[in-house]
Amino acid sequence: MATILVIDDDPQICDVLEQALHNEGHLVRSALNGEEGIRCYRQQLPDLVLMDILMPEKEGLETILDLRREFPHVIIIAMSAASEAAKINLLELAQRLGAQHRLTKPFQLQTVIELVNKALSQQSPRDEPKPSSGLDENAG
C-alpha cells in the first residue's frame, strides 16, 4: 500500500482517481491546486503525486519545481489535457522540470493504475539515499 496525492482542480477527476487507487489498496488524498497540494505533501509525505498541469492559484509546472526543490526524491506523474497542437507540449516540459512520468487526459483508469504501479516499483526506499551516479534510470 502506498500513499498517493492527487492534485487536480477538477473535483470529479480527484474523486475518480481516489476511488480507483483506493480500490487498488492505496491511501489517497487530493488537493485542488498547487498551493494546497504542497501543504498536503508536507503533512502526508506521500509516496507519489499525480498532478494536473493547468490549475488556478498555482499551476502544475511551478508546483513541480517547488516540490522538487523541497523534496528532491518526490515521484511525480504529470497529467494534462493540453492538445498536441499546442506550441509548447506541457507534459514534455513537466518531465524536463522533474516529473518522472506523464499522462494525457482523457485517460483509461487501467492506464493510470499501471503507471502508478510502475512508478512505485521504481521508487527507492526513503531511508536509503539515492545513488548519485549521475545516471537517470527514468529518463525518456
N, C-alpha and C. Protein backbone atom coordinates (compact mmCIF):
# COMPACT_ATOMS: atom_id res chain seq x y z
N MET A 1 0.84 -1.19 0.00
CA MET A 1 0.00 0.00 0.00
C MET A 1 0.88 1.25 0.00
N ALA A 2 0.52 2.19 -0.84
CA ALA A 2 1.25 3.45 -0.93
C ALA A 2 0.30 4.60 -0.61
N THR A 3 0.89 5.72 -0.23
CA THR A 3 0.12 6.94 -0.05
C THR A 3 0.30 7.78 -1.30
N ILE A 4 -0.82 8.20 -1.89
CA ILE A 4 -0.79 8.93 -3.15
C ILE A 4 -1.53 10.24 -2.98
N LEU A 5 -0.95 11.31 -3.52
CA LEU A 5 -1.58 12.63 -3.50
C LEU A 5 -1.99 12.97 -4.93
N VAL A 6 -3.28 13.28 -5.12
CA VAL A 6 -3.80 13.72 -6.41
C VAL A 6 -3.99 15.23 -6.34
N ILE A 7 -3.35 15.98 -7.23
CA ILE A 7 -3.51 17.43 -7.29
C ILE A 7 -4.15 17.77 -8.62
N ASP A 8 -5.42 18.17 -8.57
CA ASP A 8 -6.16 18.50 -9.79
C ASP A 8 -7.29 19.44 -9.42
N ASP A 9 -7.52 20.45 -10.25
CA ASP A 9 -8.56 21.43 -9.94
C ASP A 9 -9.96 20.93 -10.27
N ASP A 10 -10.08 19.75 -10.86
CA ASP A 10 -11.37 19.17 -11.17
C ASP A 10 -11.73 18.14 -10.08
N PRO A 11 -12.70 18.47 -9.21
CA PRO A 11 -13.05 17.55 -8.12
C PRO A 11 -13.51 16.18 -8.62
N GLN A 12 -14.12 16.13 -9.81
CA GLN A 12 -14.56 14.84 -10.35
C GLN A 12 -13.38 13.93 -10.68
N ILE A 13 -12.34 14.51 -11.24
CA ILE A 13 -11.14 13.73 -11.55
C ILE A 13 -10.51 13.24 -10.25
N CYS A 14 -10.45 14.11 -9.25
CA CYS A 14 -9.91 13.71 -7.94
C CYS A 14 -10.71 12.53 -7.38
N ASP A 15 -12.04 12.63 -7.43
CA ASP A 15 -12.90 11.57 -6.89
C ASP A 15 -12.69 10.25 -7.62
N VAL A 16 -12.65 10.29 -8.96
CA VAL A 16 -12.49 9.08 -9.75
C VAL A 16 -11.13 8.43 -9.46
N LEU A 17 -10.08 9.25 -9.43
CA LEU A 17 -8.75 8.71 -9.16
C LEU A 17 -8.64 8.18 -7.73
N GLU A 18 -9.22 8.91 -6.78
CA GLU A 18 -9.21 8.45 -5.39
C GLU A 18 -9.86 7.07 -5.28
N GLN A 19 -11.02 6.91 -5.88
CA GLN A 19 -11.75 5.64 -5.80
C GLN A 19 -10.98 4.50 -6.46
N ALA A 20 -10.48 4.76 -7.67
CA ALA A 20 -9.76 3.71 -8.41
C ALA A 20 -8.49 3.28 -7.66
N LEU A 21 -7.74 4.24 -7.15
CA LEU A 21 -6.49 3.92 -6.46
C LEU A 21 -6.76 3.32 -5.08
N HIS A 22 -7.83 3.76 -4.44
CA HIS A 22 -8.24 3.16 -3.15
C HIS A 22 -8.60 1.69 -3.36
N ASN A 23 -9.28 1.39 -4.47
CA ASN A 23 -9.64 0.01 -4.77
C ASN A 23 -8.41 -0.86 -5.01
N GLU A 24 -7.29 -0.24 -5.35
CA GLU A 24 -6.03 -0.96 -5.53
C GLU A 24 -5.26 -1.10 -4.22
N GLY A 25 -5.85 -0.57 -3.13
CA GLY A 25 -5.23 -0.72 -1.81
C GLY A 25 -4.40 0.47 -1.36
N HIS A 26 -4.46 1.58 -2.07
CA HIS A 26 -3.66 2.74 -1.71
C HIS A 26 -4.45 3.72 -0.85
N LEU A 27 -3.76 4.48 -0.05
CA LEU A 27 -4.34 5.58 0.70
C LEU A 27 -4.19 6.81 -0.19
N VAL A 28 -5.30 7.48 -0.49
CA VAL A 28 -5.28 8.57 -1.45
C VAL A 28 -5.83 9.85 -0.82
N ARG A 29 -5.12 10.94 -1.03
CA ARG A 29 -5.56 12.28 -0.62
C ARG A 29 -5.61 13.13 -1.89
N SER A 30 -6.37 14.21 -1.83
CA SER A 30 -6.41 15.09 -3.00
C SER A 30 -6.36 16.55 -2.59
N ALA A 31 -5.92 17.37 -3.54
CA ALA A 31 -5.82 18.82 -3.37
C ALA A 31 -6.27 19.44 -4.68
N LEU A 32 -6.89 20.63 -4.59
CA LEU A 32 -7.49 21.25 -5.77
C LEU A 32 -6.61 22.29 -6.46
N ASN A 33 -5.41 22.54 -5.94
CA ASN A 33 -4.47 23.44 -6.61
C ASN A 33 -3.07 23.18 -6.06
N GLY A 34 -2.09 23.80 -6.66
CA GLY A 34 -0.70 23.56 -6.28
C GLY A 34 -0.37 23.98 -4.86
N GLU A 35 -0.89 25.12 -4.42
CA GLU A 35 -0.63 25.58 -3.05
C GLU A 35 -1.12 24.56 -2.03
N GLU A 36 -2.37 24.13 -2.21
CA GLU A 36 -2.96 23.14 -1.32
C GLU A 36 -2.19 21.82 -1.42
N GLY A 37 -1.77 21.48 -2.63
CA GLY A 37 -1.02 20.26 -2.84
C GLY A 37 0.31 20.25 -2.10
N ILE A 38 1.02 21.36 -2.12
CA ILE A 38 2.30 21.44 -1.40
C ILE A 38 2.07 21.32 0.10
N ARG A 39 1.03 21.98 0.61
CA ARG A 39 0.70 21.84 2.04
C ARG A 39 0.40 20.39 2.39
N CYS A 40 -0.41 19.73 1.56
CA CYS A 40 -0.74 18.32 1.79
C CYS A 40 0.50 17.45 1.73
N TYR A 41 1.38 17.73 0.78
CA TYR A 41 2.59 16.92 0.66
C TYR A 41 3.43 17.04 1.92
N ARG A 42 3.60 18.25 2.42
CA ARG A 42 4.38 18.45 3.64
C ARG A 42 3.79 17.68 4.83
N GLN A 43 2.47 17.63 4.91
CA GLN A 43 1.81 16.97 6.03
C GLN A 43 1.84 15.45 5.90
N GLN A 44 1.61 14.93 4.70
CA GLN A 44 1.44 13.49 4.50
C GLN A 44 2.70 12.77 4.02
N LEU A 45 3.60 13.49 3.34
CA LEU A 45 4.77 12.89 2.70
C LEU A 45 4.40 11.64 1.90
N PRO A 46 3.53 11.80 0.90
CA PRO A 46 3.08 10.65 0.12
C PRO A 46 4.20 10.04 -0.71
N ASP A 47 3.95 8.82 -1.16
CA ASP A 47 4.92 8.09 -1.96
C ASP A 47 4.94 8.56 -3.41
N LEU A 48 3.82 9.14 -3.86
CA LEU A 48 3.69 9.50 -5.27
C LEU A 48 2.68 10.64 -5.40
N VAL A 49 2.88 11.50 -6.40
CA VAL A 49 1.97 12.61 -6.69
C VAL A 49 1.49 12.50 -8.13
N LEU A 50 0.17 12.54 -8.31
CA LEU A 50 -0.45 12.66 -9.64
C LEU A 50 -0.87 14.11 -9.75
N MET A 51 -0.33 14.86 -10.71
CA MET A 51 -0.56 16.29 -10.74
C MET A 51 -0.99 16.80 -12.11
N ASP A 52 -2.08 17.57 -12.09
CA ASP A 52 -2.53 18.26 -13.29
C ASP A 52 -1.57 19.42 -13.55
N ILE A 53 -1.45 19.82 -14.79
CA ILE A 53 -0.55 20.92 -15.14
C ILE A 53 -1.29 22.26 -15.13
N LEU A 54 -2.47 22.32 -15.72
CA LEU A 54 -3.20 23.58 -15.80
C LEU A 54 -4.19 23.70 -14.65
N MET A 55 -3.85 24.55 -13.67
CA MET A 55 -4.69 24.75 -12.48
C MET A 55 -4.63 26.22 -12.07
N PRO A 56 -5.67 26.69 -11.36
CA PRO A 56 -5.63 28.05 -10.84
C PRO A 56 -4.73 28.14 -9.60
N GLU A 57 -4.45 29.35 -9.19
CA GLU A 57 -3.68 29.69 -7.98
C GLU A 57 -2.21 29.32 -8.09
N LYS A 58 -1.90 28.06 -8.33
CA LYS A 58 -0.51 27.66 -8.55
C LYS A 58 -0.56 26.49 -9.53
N GLU A 59 -0.10 26.74 -10.74
CA GLU A 59 -0.19 25.72 -11.77
C GLU A 59 0.85 24.62 -11.54
N GLY A 60 0.69 23.55 -12.31
CA GLY A 60 1.47 22.35 -12.10
C GLY A 60 2.97 22.48 -12.33
N LEU A 61 3.39 23.23 -13.34
CA LEU A 61 4.82 23.35 -13.61
C LEU A 61 5.54 24.02 -12.44
N GLU A 62 4.95 25.08 -11.93
CA GLU A 62 5.53 25.76 -10.77
C GLU A 62 5.52 24.85 -9.54
N THR A 63 4.46 24.09 -9.38
CA THR A 63 4.35 23.17 -8.25
C THR A 63 5.39 22.07 -8.35
N ILE A 64 5.64 21.56 -9.55
CA ILE A 64 6.69 20.55 -9.74
C ILE A 64 8.04 21.11 -9.29
N LEU A 65 8.35 22.32 -9.72
CA LEU A 65 9.63 22.94 -9.34
C LEU A 65 9.73 23.10 -7.83
N ASP A 66 8.66 23.58 -7.20
CA ASP A 66 8.68 23.78 -5.75
C ASP A 66 8.81 22.46 -4.99
N LEU A 67 8.08 21.44 -5.41
CA LEU A 67 8.18 20.13 -4.75
C LEU A 67 9.58 19.54 -4.94
N ARG A 68 10.12 19.63 -6.15
CA ARG A 68 11.46 19.11 -6.43
C ARG A 68 12.52 19.81 -5.57
N ARG A 69 12.36 21.12 -5.41
CA ARG A 69 13.32 21.89 -4.62
C ARG A 69 13.30 21.44 -3.16
N GLU A 70 12.11 21.25 -2.62
CA GLU A 70 11.97 20.90 -1.20
C GLU A 70 12.09 19.39 -0.94
N PHE A 71 11.64 18.60 -1.90
CA PHE A 71 11.64 17.14 -1.76
C PHE A 71 12.24 16.52 -3.03
N PRO A 72 13.56 16.47 -3.13
CA PRO A 72 14.21 16.07 -4.38
C PRO A 72 13.83 14.68 -4.90
N HIS A 73 13.39 13.78 -4.03
CA HIS A 73 13.11 12.41 -4.46
C HIS A 73 11.62 12.15 -4.70
N VAL A 74 10.82 13.21 -4.73
CA VAL A 74 9.38 13.04 -4.96
C VAL A 74 9.13 12.40 -6.32
N ILE A 75 8.19 11.47 -6.36
CA ILE A 75 7.80 10.84 -7.62
C ILE A 75 6.55 11.55 -8.12
N ILE A 76 6.62 12.09 -9.34
CA ILE A 76 5.51 12.86 -9.90
C ILE A 76 5.08 12.29 -11.24
N ILE A 77 3.76 12.12 -11.38
CA ILE A 77 3.16 11.81 -12.67
C ILE A 77 2.38 13.06 -13.08
N ALA A 78 2.81 13.69 -14.15
CA ALA A 78 2.14 14.91 -14.64
C ALA A 78 1.00 14.52 -15.56
N MET A 79 -0.14 15.22 -15.41
CA MET A 79 -1.32 14.96 -16.24
C MET A 79 -1.75 16.25 -16.91
N SER A 80 -2.20 16.14 -18.15
CA SER A 80 -2.73 17.32 -18.83
C SER A 80 -3.60 16.90 -20.01
N ALA A 81 -4.58 17.74 -20.28
CA ALA A 81 -5.41 17.55 -21.45
C ALA A 81 -4.97 18.49 -22.56
N ALA A 82 -3.84 19.13 -22.39
CA ALA A 82 -3.34 20.07 -23.39
C ALA A 82 -3.23 19.37 -24.74
N SER A 83 -3.69 20.04 -25.75
CA SER A 83 -3.71 19.41 -27.08
C SER A 83 -2.30 19.29 -27.65
N GLU A 84 -2.14 18.30 -28.49
CA GLU A 84 -0.86 18.09 -29.16
C GLU A 84 -0.54 19.25 -30.10
N ALA A 85 -1.56 20.00 -30.49
CA ALA A 85 -1.36 21.11 -31.41
C ALA A 85 -0.77 22.33 -30.71
N ALA A 86 -0.74 22.30 -29.38
CA ALA A 86 -0.20 23.44 -28.64
C ALA A 86 1.27 23.65 -29.02
N LYS A 87 1.68 24.91 -29.05
CA LYS A 87 3.07 25.21 -29.43
C LYS A 87 4.05 24.60 -28.44
N ILE A 88 3.68 24.58 -27.16
CA ILE A 88 4.54 24.01 -26.14
C ILE A 88 3.86 22.76 -25.60
N ASN A 89 4.54 21.65 -25.65
CA ASN A 89 3.99 20.43 -25.09
C ASN A 89 4.21 20.47 -23.58
N LEU A 90 3.14 20.74 -22.84
CA LEU A 90 3.24 20.93 -21.39
C LEU A 90 3.71 19.68 -20.67
N LEU A 91 3.30 18.52 -21.13
CA LEU A 91 3.73 17.29 -20.47
C LEU A 91 5.22 17.03 -20.67
N GLU A 92 5.72 17.35 -21.85
CA GLU A 92 7.16 17.20 -22.09
C GLU A 92 7.94 18.19 -21.21
N LEU A 93 7.43 19.40 -21.11
CA LEU A 93 8.06 20.40 -20.25
C LEU A 93 8.02 19.96 -18.79
N ALA A 94 6.90 19.40 -18.36
CA ALA A 94 6.78 18.91 -16.98
C ALA A 94 7.84 17.85 -16.69
N GLN A 95 8.08 16.98 -17.66
CA GLN A 95 9.11 15.96 -17.46
C GLN A 95 10.50 16.58 -17.39
N ARG A 96 10.74 17.57 -18.19
CA ARG A 96 12.05 18.26 -18.13
C ARG A 96 12.26 18.96 -16.79
N LEU A 97 11.16 19.38 -16.16
CA LEU A 97 11.26 20.09 -14.88
C LEU A 97 11.27 19.14 -13.68
N GLY A 98 11.04 17.85 -13.91
CA GLY A 98 11.17 16.92 -12.80
C GLY A 98 10.11 15.85 -12.65
N ALA A 99 9.06 15.86 -13.46
CA ALA A 99 8.09 14.77 -13.40
C ALA A 99 8.70 13.54 -14.06
N GLN A 100 8.59 12.39 -13.41
CA GLN A 100 9.18 11.18 -13.98
C GLN A 100 8.31 10.56 -15.07
N HIS A 101 7.00 10.79 -14.98
CA HIS A 101 6.07 10.17 -15.92
C HIS A 101 5.03 11.20 -16.34
N ARG A 102 4.35 10.91 -17.45
CA ARG A 102 3.30 11.81 -17.93
C ARG A 102 2.10 11.01 -18.40
N LEU A 103 0.95 11.66 -18.32
CA LEU A 103 -0.32 11.02 -18.62
C LEU A 103 -1.22 12.03 -19.32
N THR A 104 -1.69 11.66 -20.50
CA THR A 104 -2.56 12.56 -21.27
C THR A 104 -4.01 12.29 -20.91
N LYS A 105 -4.75 13.37 -20.64
CA LYS A 105 -6.19 13.28 -20.40
C LYS A 105 -6.91 13.39 -21.73
N PRO A 106 -8.01 12.74 -21.93
CA PRO A 106 -8.63 11.76 -21.02
C PRO A 106 -7.83 10.47 -21.01
N PHE A 107 -7.92 9.74 -19.91
CA PHE A 107 -7.16 8.51 -19.75
C PHE A 107 -8.07 7.38 -19.32
N GLN A 108 -7.61 6.17 -19.52
CA GLN A 108 -8.28 4.98 -19.03
C GLN A 108 -7.78 4.73 -17.61
N LEU A 109 -8.67 4.37 -16.70
CA LEU A 109 -8.26 4.13 -15.32
C LEU A 109 -7.21 3.03 -15.22
N GLN A 110 -7.33 2.01 -16.05
CA GLN A 110 -6.34 0.93 -16.02
C GLN A 110 -4.95 1.46 -16.38
N THR A 111 -4.88 2.41 -17.29
CA THR A 111 -3.61 3.03 -17.66
C THR A 111 -3.01 3.76 -16.48
N VAL A 112 -3.84 4.49 -15.73
CA VAL A 112 -3.38 5.21 -14.54
C VAL A 112 -2.83 4.22 -13.52
N ILE A 113 -3.59 3.17 -13.26
CA ILE A 113 -3.18 2.17 -12.27
C ILE A 113 -1.84 1.53 -12.66
N GLU A 114 -1.69 1.18 -13.92
CA GLU A 114 -0.45 0.57 -14.39
C GLU A 114 0.73 1.54 -14.27
N LEU A 115 0.50 2.81 -14.59
CA LEU A 115 1.57 3.81 -14.49
C LEU A 115 1.94 4.07 -13.03
N VAL A 116 0.96 4.14 -12.16
CA VAL A 116 1.22 4.31 -10.72
C VAL A 116 2.04 3.13 -10.21
N ASN A 117 1.64 1.92 -10.55
CA ASN A 117 2.38 0.73 -10.09
C ASN A 117 3.81 0.72 -10.63
N LYS A 118 3.97 1.12 -11.88
CA LYS A 118 5.31 1.19 -12.47
C LYS A 118 6.16 2.22 -11.73
N ALA A 119 5.60 3.40 -11.49
CA ALA A 119 6.34 4.46 -10.81
C ALA A 119 6.72 4.03 -9.39
N LEU A 120 5.80 3.41 -8.68
CA LEU A 120 6.07 2.97 -7.32
C LEU A 120 7.12 1.86 -7.28
N SER A 121 7.13 1.00 -8.29
CA SER A 121 8.11 -0.10 -8.32
C SER A 121 9.52 0.42 -8.58
N GLN A 122 9.63 1.60 -9.18
CA GLN A 122 10.94 2.19 -9.47
C GLN A 122 11.45 3.05 -8.32
N GLN A 123 10.62 3.21 -7.29
CA GLN A 123 10.95 4.09 -6.17
C GLN A 123 12.03 3.48 -5.29
N SER A 124 12.95 4.32 -4.84
CA SER A 124 13.96 3.90 -3.88
C SER A 124 13.36 4.04 -2.48
N PRO A 125 13.71 3.16 -1.57
CA PRO A 125 13.23 3.31 -0.20
C PRO A 125 13.65 4.65 0.38
N ARG A 126 12.78 5.27 1.17
CA ARG A 126 13.04 6.60 1.72
C ARG A 126 14.29 6.67 2.58
N ASP A 127 14.56 5.63 3.38
CA ASP A 127 15.69 5.73 4.29
C ASP A 127 17.01 5.40 3.61
N GLU A 128 16.99 5.03 2.36
CA GLU A 128 18.23 4.81 1.61
C GLU A 128 18.47 5.99 0.68
N PRO A 129 19.61 6.66 0.79
CA PRO A 129 19.87 7.75 -0.15
C PRO A 129 20.01 7.19 -1.56
N LYS A 130 19.53 7.96 -2.53
CA LYS A 130 19.65 7.53 -3.92
C LYS A 130 21.11 7.64 -4.35
N PRO A 131 21.59 6.67 -5.11
CA PRO A 131 22.97 6.77 -5.59
C PRO A 131 23.14 7.98 -6.48
N SER A 132 24.26 8.65 -6.35
CA SER A 132 24.48 9.86 -7.13
C SER A 132 25.42 9.57 -8.28
N SER A 133 25.07 8.59 -9.09
CA SER A 133 25.93 8.18 -10.20
C SER A 133 25.84 9.15 -11.37
N GLY A 134 24.83 10.04 -11.33
CA GLY A 134 24.65 10.96 -12.44
C GLY A 134 23.80 10.38 -13.55
N LEU A 135 23.46 9.10 -13.44
CA LEU A 135 22.64 8.46 -14.45
C LEU A 135 21.18 8.50 -14.00
N ASP A 136 20.28 8.81 -14.91
CA ASP A 136 18.86 8.85 -14.60
C ASP A 136 18.19 7.66 -15.25
N GLU A 137 17.81 6.67 -14.42
CA GLU A 137 17.18 5.47 -14.95
C GLU A 137 15.80 5.75 -15.52
N ASN A 138 15.16 6.84 -15.09
CA ASN A 138 13.80 7.14 -15.51
C ASN A 138 13.74 8.09 -16.68
N ALA A 139 14.87 8.44 -17.24
CA ALA A 139 14.87 9.39 -18.35
C ALA A 139 14.20 8.76 -19.56
N GLY A 140 13.51 9.64 -20.30
CA GLY A 140 12.96 9.11 -21.53
C GLY A 140 11.56 9.21 -21.61
